[in-house]
């Protein structure tokens, strides 16, 4: 779920698990100059860690995503997920 909060000029991002029927911790942040940066705090191995999600290189057909974790309050980051998503054309796109 992506919800915009106009008063704060920020987005809240929440993911759903189809396996467990649960929602993730909500990440909050904003898009600025073509880059989206979102943060949350999540439990990990019995402690709370800071999580950063960055959306960049955003085009109508693709975007780049990186997630990183910090155990020291954001002084250092360990990237644990990188992906580039590309829109796949379907048959209706080809007919136009």
PDB file of N, CA and C in Angstrom:
ATOM      1  N   UNK A   1       0.843  -1.163   0.000  1.00  0.00           N
ATOM      2  CA  UNK A   1       0.000   0.000   0.000  1.00  0.00           C
ATOM      3  C   UNK A   1       0.892   1.231   0.000  1.00  0.00           C
ATOM      4  N   UNK A   2       0.526   2.169  -0.811  1.00  0.00           N
ATOM      5  CA  UNK A   2       1.241   3.434  -0.841  1.00  0.00           C
ATOM      6  C   UNK A   2       0.231   4.539  -0.571  1.00  0.00           C
ATOM      7  N   UNK A   3       0.408   5.235   0.526  1.00  0.00           N
ATOM      8  CA  UNK A   3      -0.521   6.283   0.925  1.00  0.00           C
ATOM      9  C   UNK A   3       0.215   7.601   1.077  1.00  0.00           C
ATOM     10  N   UNK A   4      -0.314   8.645   0.473  1.00  0.00           N
ATOM     11  CA  UNK A   4       0.296   9.972   0.565  1.00  0.00           C
ATOM     12  C   UNK A   4      -0.358  10.752   1.700  1.00  0.00           C
ATOM     13  N   UNK A   5       0.462  11.408   2.525  1.00  0.00           N
ATOM     14  CA  UNK A   5      -0.007  12.234   3.633  1.00  0.00           C
ATOM     15  C   UNK A   5       0.285  13.684   3.255  1.00  0.00           C
ATOM     16  N   UNK A   6      -0.698  14.401   2.713  1.00  0.00           N
ATOM     17  CA  UNK A   6      -0.451  15.760   2.200  1.00  0.00           C
ATOM     18  C   UNK A   6       0.102  16.725   3.242  1.00  0.00           C
ATOM     19  N   UNK A   7      -0.381  16.639   4.470  1.00  0.00           N
ATOM     20  CA  UNK A   7       0.081  17.570   5.510  1.00  0.00           C
ATOM     21  C   UNK A   7       1.585  17.429   5.771  1.00  0.00           C
ATOM     22  N   UNK A   8       2.095  16.225   5.659  1.00  0.00           N
ATOM     23  CA  UNK A   8       3.513  15.960   5.915  1.00  0.00           C
ATOM     24  C   UNK A   8       4.341  15.953   4.634  1.00  0.00           C
ATOM     25  N   UNK A   9       3.671  15.985   3.464  1.00  0.00           N
ATOM     26  CA  UNK A   9       4.354  15.856   2.169  1.00  0.00           C
ATOM     27  C   UNK A   9       5.183  14.579   2.116  1.00  0.00           C
ATOM     28  N   UNK A  10       4.651  13.507   2.700  1.00  0.00           N
ATOM     29  CA  UNK A  10       5.357  12.241   2.740  1.00  0.00           C
ATOM     30  C   UNK A  10       4.447  11.086   2.326  1.00  0.00           C
ATOM     31  N   UNK A  11       5.104  10.018   1.907  1.00  0.00           N
ATOM     32  CA  UNK A  11       4.433   8.771   1.560  1.00  0.00           C
ATOM     33  C   UNK A  11       4.658   7.765   2.672  1.00  0.00           C
ATOM     34  N   UNK A  12       3.670   6.902   2.898  1.00  0.00           N
ATOM     35  CA  UNK A  12       3.806   5.744   3.776  1.00  0.00           C
ATOM     36  C   UNK A  12       3.698   4.496   2.910  1.00  0.00           C
ATOM     37  N   UNK A  13       4.705   3.631   3.003  1.00  0.00           N
ATOM     38  CA  UNK A  13       4.740   2.388   2.231  1.00  0.00           C
ATOM     39  C   UNK A  13       4.554   1.213   3.183  1.00  0.00           C
ATOM     40  N   UNK A  14       3.588   0.348   2.879  1.00  0.00           N
ATOM     41  CA  UNK A  14       3.328  -0.833   3.688  1.00  0.00           C
ATOM     42  C   UNK A  14       3.157  -2.010   2.742  1.00  0.00           C
ATOM     43  N   UNK A  15       3.774  -3.125   3.076  1.00  0.00           N
ATOM     44  CA  UNK A  15       3.707  -4.322   2.249  1.00  0.00           C
ATOM     45  C   UNK A  15       2.857  -5.377   2.954  1.00  0.00           C
ATOM     46  N   UNK A  16       2.214  -6.233   2.181  1.00  0.00           N
ATOM     47  CA  UNK A  16       1.380  -7.304   2.726  1.00  0.00           C
ATOM     48  C   UNK A  16       2.013  -8.655   2.430  1.00  0.00           C
ATOM     49  N   UNK A  17       1.853  -9.577   3.359  1.00  0.00           N
ATOM     50  CA  UNK A  17       2.330 -10.944   3.184  1.00  0.00           C
ATOM     51  C   UNK A  17       1.159 -11.834   2.826  1.00  0.00           C
ATOM     52  N   UNK A  18       1.226 -12.461   1.670  1.00  0.00           N
ATOM     53  CA  UNK A  18       0.192 -13.388   1.267  1.00  0.00           C
ATOM     54  C   UNK A  18       0.258 -14.688   2.058  1.00  0.00           C
ATOM     55  N   UNK A  19       1.445 -15.010   2.568  1.00  0.00           N
ATOM     56  CA  UNK A  19       1.614 -16.255   3.315  1.00  0.00           C
ATOM     57  C   UNK A  19       1.070 -16.141   4.730  1.00  0.00           C
ATOM     58  N   UNK A  20       1.384 -15.040   5.402  1.00  0.00           N
ATOM     59  CA  UNK A  20       0.985 -14.908   6.799  1.00  0.00           C
ATOM     60  C   UNK A  20      -0.219 -14.018   7.017  1.00  0.00           C
ATOM     61  N   UNK A  21      -0.681 -13.362   5.956  1.00  0.00           N
ATOM     62  CA  UNK A  21      -1.821 -12.471   6.107  1.00  0.00           C
ATOM     63  C   UNK A  21      -1.549 -11.290   7.012  1.00  0.00           C
ATOM     64  N   UNK A  22      -0.307 -10.779   6.984  1.00  0.00           N
ATOM     65  CA  UNK A  22       0.070  -9.663   7.853  1.00  0.00           C
ATOM     66  C   UNK A  22       0.583  -8.490   7.022  1.00  0.00           C
ATOM     67  N   UNK A  23       0.613  -7.328   7.652  1.00  0.00           N
ATOM     68  CA  UNK A  23       1.188  -6.131   7.039  1.00  0.00           C
ATOM     69  C   UNK A  23       2.555  -5.862   7.649  1.00  0.00           C
ATOM     70  N   UNK A  24       3.444  -5.292   6.836  1.00  0.00           N
ATOM     71  CA  UNK A  24       4.783  -4.957   7.311  1.00  0.00           C
ATOM     72  C   UNK A  24       4.750  -3.701   8.169  1.00  0.00           C
ATOM     73  N   UNK A  25       5.884  -3.389   8.763  1.00  0.00           N
ATOM     74  CA  UNK A  25       6.085  -2.095   9.416  1.00  0.00           C
ATOM     75  C   UNK A  25       6.002  -1.043   8.314  1.00  0.00           C
ATOM     76  N   UNK A  26       5.394   0.090   8.590  1.00  0.00           N
ATOM     77  CA  UNK A  26       5.249   1.146   7.592  1.00  0.00           C
ATOM     78  C   UNK A  26       6.529   1.963   7.493  1.00  0.00           C
ATOM     79  N   UNK A  27       7.016   2.148   6.259  1.00  0.00           N
ATOM     80  CA  UNK A  27       8.165   3.020   5.985  1.00  0.00           C
ATOM     81  C   UNK A  27       7.626   4.380   5.558  1.00  0.00           C
ATOM     82  N   UNK A  28       8.257   5.447   6.018  1.00  0.00           N
ATOM     83  CA  UNK A  28       7.831   6.798   5.663  1.00  0.00           C
ATOM     84  C   UNK A  28       8.963   7.543   4.983  1.00  0.00           C
ATOM     85  N   UNK A  29       8.599   8.392   4.015  1.00  0.00           N
ATOM     86  CA  UNK A  29       9.613   9.185   3.332  1.00  0.00           C
ATOM     87  C   UNK A  29       9.007   9.998   2.216  1.00  0.00           C
ATOM     88  N   UNK A  30       9.885  10.449   1.323  1.00  0.00           N
ATOM     89  CA  UNK A  30       9.424  11.316   0.243  1.00  0.00           C
ATOM     90  C   UNK A  30      10.220  11.091  -1.024  1.00  0.00           C
ATOM     91  N   UNK A  31       9.630  11.541  -2.119  1.00  0.00           N
ATOM     92  CA  UNK A  31      10.315  11.576  -3.402  1.00  0.00           C
ATOM     93  C   UNK A  31      10.797  13.007  -3.617  1.00  0.00           C
ATOM     94  N   UNK A  32      12.064  13.130  -3.984  1.00  0.00           N
ATOM     95  CA  UNK A  32      12.635  14.456  -4.235  1.00  0.00           C
ATOM     96  C   UNK A  32      13.690  14.310  -5.322  1.00  0.00           C
ATOM     97  N   UNK A  33      13.589  15.146  -6.339  1.00  0.00           N
ATOM     98  CA  UNK A  33      14.559  15.134  -7.442  1.00  0.00           C
ATOM     99  C   UNK A  33      14.699  13.740  -8.065  1.00  0.00           C
ATOM    100  N   UNK A  34      13.574  13.046  -8.237  1.00  0.00           N
ATOM    101  CA  UNK A  34      13.581  11.750  -8.904  1.00  0.00           C
ATOM    102  C   UNK A  34      14.060  10.590  -8.064  1.00  0.00           C
ATOM    103  N   UNK A  35      14.152  10.771  -6.764  1.00  0.00           N
ATOM    104  CA  UNK A  35      14.643   9.725  -5.859  1.00  0.00           C
ATOM    105  C   UNK A  35      13.706   9.649  -4.654  1.00  0.00           C
ATOM    106  N   UNK A  36      13.315   8.446  -4.285  1.00  0.00           N
ATOM    107  CA  UNK A  36      12.486   8.251  -3.104  1.00  0.00           C
ATOM    108  C   UNK A  36      13.302   7.596  -2.011  1.00  0.00           C
ATOM    109  N   UNK A  37      13.226   8.148  -0.808  1.00  0.00           N
ATOM    110  CA  UNK A  37      13.974   7.601   0.320  1.00  0.00           C
ATOM    111  C   UNK A  37      13.007   7.424   1.494  1.00  0.00           C
ATOM    112  N   UNK A  38      12.959   6.197   2.042  1.00  0.00           N
ATOM    113  CA  UNK A  38      11.991   5.824   3.061  1.00  0.00           C
ATOM    114  C   UNK A  38      12.696   5.101   4.194  1.00  0.00           C
ATOM    115  N   UNK A  39      12.232   5.329   5.427  1.00  0.00           N
ATOM    116  CA  UNK A  39      12.867   4.747   6.610  1.00  0.00           C
ATOM    117  C   UNK A  39      11.827   4.137   7.531  1.00  0.00           C
ATOM    118  N   UNK A  40      12.251   3.109   8.259  1.00  0.00           N
ATOM    119  CA  UNK A  40      11.454   2.556   9.356  1.00  0.00           C
ATOM    120  C   UNK A  40      12.393   1.858  10.328  1.00  0.00           C
ATOM    121  N   UNK A  41      11.837   1.456  11.453  1.00  0.00           N
ATOM    122  CA  UNK A  41      12.571   0.687  12.449  1.00  0.00           C
ATOM    123  C   UNK A  41      11.868  -0.653  12.592  1.00  0.00           C
ATOM    124  N   UNK A  42      12.660  -1.736  12.526  1.00  0.00           N
ATOM    125  CA  UNK A  42      12.086  -3.082  12.566  1.00  0.00           C
ATOM    126  C   UNK A  42      12.843  -3.957  13.551  1.00  0.00           C
ATOM    127  N   UNK A  43      12.155  -4.924  14.166  1.00  0.00           N
ATOM    128  CA  UNK A  43      12.845  -5.878  15.034  1.00  0.00           C
ATOM    129  C   UNK A  43      13.688  -6.845  14.202  1.00  0.00           C
ATOM    130  N   UNK A  44      14.887  -7.115  14.674  1.00  0.00           N
ATOM    131  CA  UNK A  44      15.788  -8.044  13.975  1.00  0.00           C
ATOM    132  C   UNK A  44      16.715  -8.671  15.002  1.00  0.00           C
ATOM    133  N   UNK A  45      16.667  -9.988  15.133  1.00  0.00           N
ATOM    134  CA  UNK A  45      17.500 -10.727  16.090  1.00  0.00           C
ATOM    135  C   UNK A  45      17.418 -10.135  17.503  1.00  0.00           C
ATOM    136  N   UNK A  46      16.206  -9.801  17.929  1.00  0.00           N
ATOM    137  CA  UNK A  46      16.017  -9.312  19.291  1.00  0.00           C
ATOM    138  C   UNK A  46      16.345  -7.845  19.520  1.00  0.00           C
ATOM    139  N   UNK A  47      16.679  -7.109  18.453  1.00  0.00           N
ATOM    140  CA  UNK A  47      16.968  -5.672  18.586  1.00  0.00           C
ATOM    141  C   UNK A  47      16.218  -4.919  17.507  1.00  0.00           C
ATOM    142  N   UNK A  48      16.111  -3.620  17.661  1.00  0.00           N
ATOM    143  CA  UNK A  48      15.513  -2.791  16.626  1.00  0.00           C
ATOM    144  C   UNK A  48      16.612  -2.249  15.726  1.00  0.00           C
ATOM    145  N   UNK A  49      16.393  -2.339  14.417  1.00  0.00           N
ATOM    146  CA  UNK A  49      17.351  -1.807  13.453  1.00  0.00           C
ATOM    147  C   UNK A  49      16.653  -0.795  12.558  1.00  0.00           C
ATOM    148  N   UNK A  50      17.435   0.083  11.967  1.00  0.00           N
ATOM    149  CA  UNK A  50      16.927   1.065  11.029  1.00  0.00           C
ATOM    150  C   UNK A  50      16.974   0.462   9.627  1.00  0.00           C
ATOM    151  N   UNK A  51      15.892   0.651   8.873  1.00  0.00           N
ATOM    152  CA  UNK A  51      15.805   0.134   7.503  1.00  0.00           C
ATOM    153  C   UNK A  51      15.595   1.315   6.565  1.00  0.00           C
ATOM    154  N   UNK A  52      16.391   1.350   5.484  1.00  0.00           N
ATOM    155  CA  UNK A  52      16.271   2.412   4.475  1.00  0.00           C
ATOM    156  C   UNK A  52      15.938   1.768   3.136  1.00  0.00           C
ATOM    157  N   UNK A  53      14.941   2.327   2.458  1.00  0.00           N
ATOM    158  CA  UNK A  53      14.587   1.888   1.111  1.00  0.00           C
ATOM    159  C   UNK A  53      14.761   3.071   0.174  1.00  0.00           C
ATOM    160  N   UNK A  54      15.464   2.852  -0.930  1.00  0.00           N
ATOM    161  CA  UNK A  54      15.712   3.920  -1.899  1.00  0.00           C
ATOM    162  C   UNK A  54      15.196   3.488  -3.270  1.00  0.00           C
ATOM    163  N   UNK A  55      14.338   4.325  -3.849  1.00  0.00           N
ATOM    164  CA  UNK A  55      13.826   4.137  -5.215  1.00  0.00           C
ATOM    165  C   UNK A  55      14.501   5.188  -6.078  1.00  0.00           C
ATOM    166  N   UNK A  56      15.128   4.777  -7.187  1.00  0.00           N
ATOM    167  CA  UNK A  56      15.848   5.734  -8.039  1.00  0.00           C
ATOM    168  C   UNK A  56      15.752   5.304  -9.504  1.00  0.00           C
ATOM    169  N   UNK A  57      16.322   6.107 -10.387  1.00  0.00           N
ATOM    170  CA  UNK A  57      16.300   5.823 -11.834  1.00  0.00           C
ATOM    171  C   UNK A  57      14.882   5.478 -12.283  1.00  0.00           C
ATOM    172  N   UNK A  58      13.921   6.283 -11.859  1.00  0.00           N
ATOM    173  CA  UNK A  58      12.512   6.021 -12.114  1.00  0.00           C
ATOM    174  C   UNK A  58      12.135   6.527 -13.506  1.00  0.00           C
ATOM    175  N   UNK A  59      11.614   5.608 -14.331  1.00  0.00           N
ATOM    176  CA  UNK A  59      11.137   5.949 -15.670  1.00  0.00           C
ATOM    177  C   UNK A  59       9.724   5.378 -15.808  1.00  0.00           C
ATOM    178  N   UNK A  60       9.027   5.679 -16.889  1.00  0.00           N
ATOM    179  CA  UNK A  60       7.694   5.078 -17.070  1.00  0.00           C
ATOM    180  C   UNK A  60       7.720   3.545 -17.157  1.00  0.00           C
ATOM    181  N   UNK A  61       8.871   2.961 -17.485  1.00  0.00           N
ATOM    182  CA  UNK A  61       8.908   1.512 -17.649  1.00  0.00           C
ATOM    183  C   UNK A  61       9.868   0.782 -16.700  1.00  0.00           C
ATOM    184  N   UNK A  62      10.550   1.497 -15.810  1.00  0.00           N
ATOM    185  CA  UNK A  62      11.461   0.801 -14.901  1.00  0.00           C
ATOM    186  C   UNK A  62      11.812   1.664 -13.687  1.00  0.00           C
ATOM    187  N   UNK A  63      12.381   1.006 -12.678  1.00  0.00           N
ATOM    188  CA  UNK A  63      12.911   1.719 -11.512  1.00  0.00           C
ATOM    189  C   UNK A  63      13.925   0.817 -10.811  1.00  0.00           C
ATOM    190  N   UNK A  64      14.800   1.446 -10.064  1.00  0.00           N
ATOM    191  CA  UNK A  64      15.833   0.746  -9.306  1.00  0.00           C
ATOM    192  C   UNK A  64      15.463   0.837  -7.823  1.00  0.00           C
ATOM    193  N   UNK A  65      15.676  -0.245  -7.083  1.00  0.00           N
ATOM    194  CA  UNK A  65      15.340  -0.291  -5.659  1.00  0.00           C
ATOM    195  C   UNK A  65      16.510  -0.875  -4.888  1.00  0.00           C
ATOM    196  N   UNK A  66      16.835  -0.252  -3.753  1.00  0.00           N
ATOM    197  CA  UNK A  66      17.832  -0.797  -2.839  1.00  0.00           C
ATOM    198  C   UNK A  66      17.309  -0.691  -1.420  1.00  0.00           C
ATOM    199  N   UNK A  67      17.513  -1.757  -0.654  1.00  0.00           N
ATOM    200  CA  UNK A  67      17.183  -1.741   0.768  1.00  0.00           C
ATOM    201  C   UNK A  67      18.459  -1.971   1.550  1.00  0.00           C
ATOM    202  N   UNK A  68      18.629  -1.222   2.636  1.00  0.00           N
ATOM    203  CA  UNK A  68      19.811  -1.371   3.478  1.00  0.00           C
ATOM    204  C   UNK A  68      19.404  -1.353   4.942  1.00  0.00           C
ATOM    205  N   UNK A  69      20.211  -2.019   5.778  1.00  0.00           N
ATOM    206  CA  UNK A  69      19.962  -2.115   7.212  1.00  0.00           C
ATOM    207  C   UNK A  69      21.082  -1.433   7.970  1.00  0.00           C
ATOM    208  N   UNK A  70      20.735  -0.822   9.099  1.00  0.00           N
ATOM    209  CA  UNK A  70      21.738  -0.192   9.954  1.00  0.00           C
ATOM    210  C   UNK A  70      21.496  -0.598  11.398  1.00  0.00           C
ATOM    211  N   UNK A  71      22.527  -1.116  12.034  1.00  0.00           N
ATOM    212  CA  UNK A  71      22.438  -1.480  13.451  1.00  0.00           C
ATOM    213  C   UNK A  71      23.001  -0.391  14.345  1.00  0.00           C
ATOM    214  N   UNK A  72      23.511   0.706  13.745  1.00  0.00           N
ATOM    215  CA  UNK A  72      24.121   1.777  14.532  1.00  0.00           C
ATOM    216  C   UNK A  72      23.437   3.130  14.319  1.00  0.00           C
ATOM    217  N   UNK A  73      22.121   3.079  14.081  1.00  0.00           N
ATOM    218  CA  UNK A  73      21.354   4.310  13.962  1.00  0.00           C
ATOM    219  C   UNK A  73      21.587   5.096  12.687  1.00  0.00           C
ATOM    220  N   UNK A  74      22.099   4.453  11.650  1.00  0.00           N
ATOM    221  CA  UNK A  74      22.290   5.107  10.359  1.00  0.00           C
ATOM    222  C   UNK A  74      23.700   5.588  10.086  1.00  0.00           C
ATOM    223  N   UNK A  75      24.651   5.285  10.971  1.00  0.00           N
ATOM    224  CA  UNK A  75      26.050   5.670  10.716  1.00  0.00           C
ATOM    225  C   UNK A  75      26.633   4.823   9.582  1.00  0.00           C
ATOM    226  N   UNK A  76      26.306   3.527   9.593  1.00  0.00           N
ATOM    227  CA  UNK A  76      26.754   2.637   8.526  1.00  0.00           C
ATOM    228  C   UNK A  76      25.552   1.825   8.039  1.00  0.00           C
ATOM    229  N   UNK A  77      25.608   1.409   6.772  1.00  0.00           N
ATOM    230  CA  UNK A  77      24.509   0.691   6.144  1.00  0.00           C
ATOM    231  C   UNK A  77      25.022  -0.568   5.479  1.00  0.00           C
ATOM    232  N   UNK A  78      24.246  -1.644   5.584  1.00  0.00           N
ATOM    233  CA  UNK A  78      24.535  -2.888   4.882  1.00  0.00           C
ATOM    234  C   UNK A  78      23.391  -3.136   3.895  1.00  0.00           C
ATOM    235  N   UNK A  79      23.713  -3.063   2.610  1.00  0.00           N
ATOM    236  CA  UNK A  79      22.700  -3.298   1.580  1.00  0.00           C
ATOM    237  C   UNK A  79      22.381  -4.791   1.559  1.00  0.00           C
ATOM    238  N   UNK A  80      21.080  -5.114   1.649  1.00  0.00           N
ATOM    239  CA  UNK A  80      20.700  -6.522   1.636  1.00  0.00           C
ATOM    240  C   UNK A  80      19.751  -6.876   0.496  1.00  0.00           C
ATOM    241  N   UNK A  81      19.383  -5.877  -0.326  1.00  0.00           N
ATOM    242  CA  UNK A  81      18.476  -6.171  -1.431  1.00  0.00           C
ATOM    243  C   UNK A  81      18.632  -5.099  -2.493  1.00  0.00           C
ATOM    244  N   UNK A  82      18.890  -5.527  -3.736  1.00  0.00           N
ATOM    245  CA  UNK A  82      18.985  -4.622  -4.887  1.00  0.00           C
ATOM    246  C   UNK A  82      18.179  -5.247  -6.019  1.00  0.00           C
ATOM    247  N   UNK A  83      17.362  -4.427  -6.665  1.00  0.00           N
ATOM    248  CA  UNK A  83      16.605  -4.925  -7.809  1.00  0.00           C
ATOM    249  C   UNK A  83      16.315  -3.785  -8.774  1.00  0.00           C
ATOM    250  N   UNK A  84      16.203  -4.122 -10.027  1.00  0.00           N
ATOM    251  CA  UNK A  84      15.712  -3.188 -11.034  1.00  0.00           C
ATOM    252  C   UNK A  84      14.456  -3.810 -11.615  1.00  0.00           C
ATOM    253  N   UNK A  85      13.343  -3.120 -11.454  1.00  0.00           N
ATOM    254  CA  UNK A  85      12.063  -3.606 -11.961  1.00  0.00           C
ATOM    255  C   UNK A  85      11.809  -3.013 -13.332  1.00  0.00           C
ATOM    256  N   UNK A  86      11.348  -3.861 -14.258  1.00  0.00           N
ATOM    257  CA  UNK A  86      11.040  -3.427 -15.624  1.00  0.00           C
ATOM    258  C   UNK A  86       9.626  -3.853 -15.971  1.00  0.00           C
ATOM    259  N   UNK A  87       8.843  -2.920 -16.473  1.00  0.00           N
ATOM    260  CA  UNK A  87       7.467  -3.212 -16.872  1.00  0.00           C
ATOM    261  C   UNK A  87       7.487  -4.136 -18.091  1.00  0.00           C
ATOM    262  N   UNK A  88       6.679  -5.171 -18.051  1.00  0.00           N
ATOM    263  CA  UNK A  88       6.554  -6.104 -19.157  1.00  0.00           C
ATOM    264  C   UNK A  88       5.326  -5.721 -19.965  1.00  0.00           C
ATOM    265  N   UNK A  89       5.495  -5.615 -21.265  1.00  0.00           N
ATOM    266  CA  UNK A  89       4.363  -5.289 -22.136  1.00  0.00           C
ATOM    267  C   UNK A  89       3.427  -6.489 -22.222  1.00  0.00           C
ATOM    268  N   UNK A  90       2.132  -6.197 -22.251  1.00  0.00           N
ATOM    269  CA  UNK A  90       1.179  -7.270 -22.504  1.00  0.00           C
ATOM    270  C   UNK A  90       0.617  -7.104 -23.907  1.00  0.00           C
ATOM    271  N   UNK A  91      -0.236  -7.980 -24.330  1.00  0.00           N
ATOM    272  CA  UNK A  91      -0.760  -7.965 -25.691  1.00  0.00           C
ATOM    273  C   UNK A  91      -1.483  -6.666 -26.020  1.00  0.00           C
ATOM    274  N   UNK A  92      -2.175  -6.056 -25.039  1.00  0.00           N
ATOM    275  CA  UNK A  92      -2.897  -4.816 -25.320  1.00  0.00           C
ATOM    276  C   UNK A  92      -1.937  -3.665 -25.612  1.00  0.00           C
ATOM    277  N   UNK A  93      -0.732  -3.688 -24.990  1.00  0.00           N
ATOM    278  CA  UNK A  93       0.275  -2.665 -25.288  1.00  0.00           C
ATOM    279  C   UNK A  93       0.760  -2.770 -26.737  1.00  0.00           C
ATOM    280  N   UNK A  94       0.899  -3.987 -27.232  1.00  0.00           N
ATOM    281  CA  UNK A  94       1.411  -4.210 -28.591  1.00  0.00           C
ATOM    282  C   UNK A  94       0.407  -3.773 -29.661  1.00  0.00           C
ATOM    283  N   UNK A  95      -0.879  -3.806 -29.300  1.00  0.00           N
ATOM    284  CA  UNK A  95      -1.917  -3.458 -30.282  1.00  0.00           C
ATOM    285  C   UNK A  95      -1.997  -1.955 -30.520  1.00  0.00           C
ATOM    286  N   UNK A  96      -1.413  -1.151 -29.671  1.00  0.00           N
ATOM    287  CA  UNK A  96      -1.533   0.306 -29.798  1.00  0.00           C
ATOM    288  C   UNK A  96      -0.516   0.887 -30.711  1.00  0.00           C
TER     289      UNK A  96
END
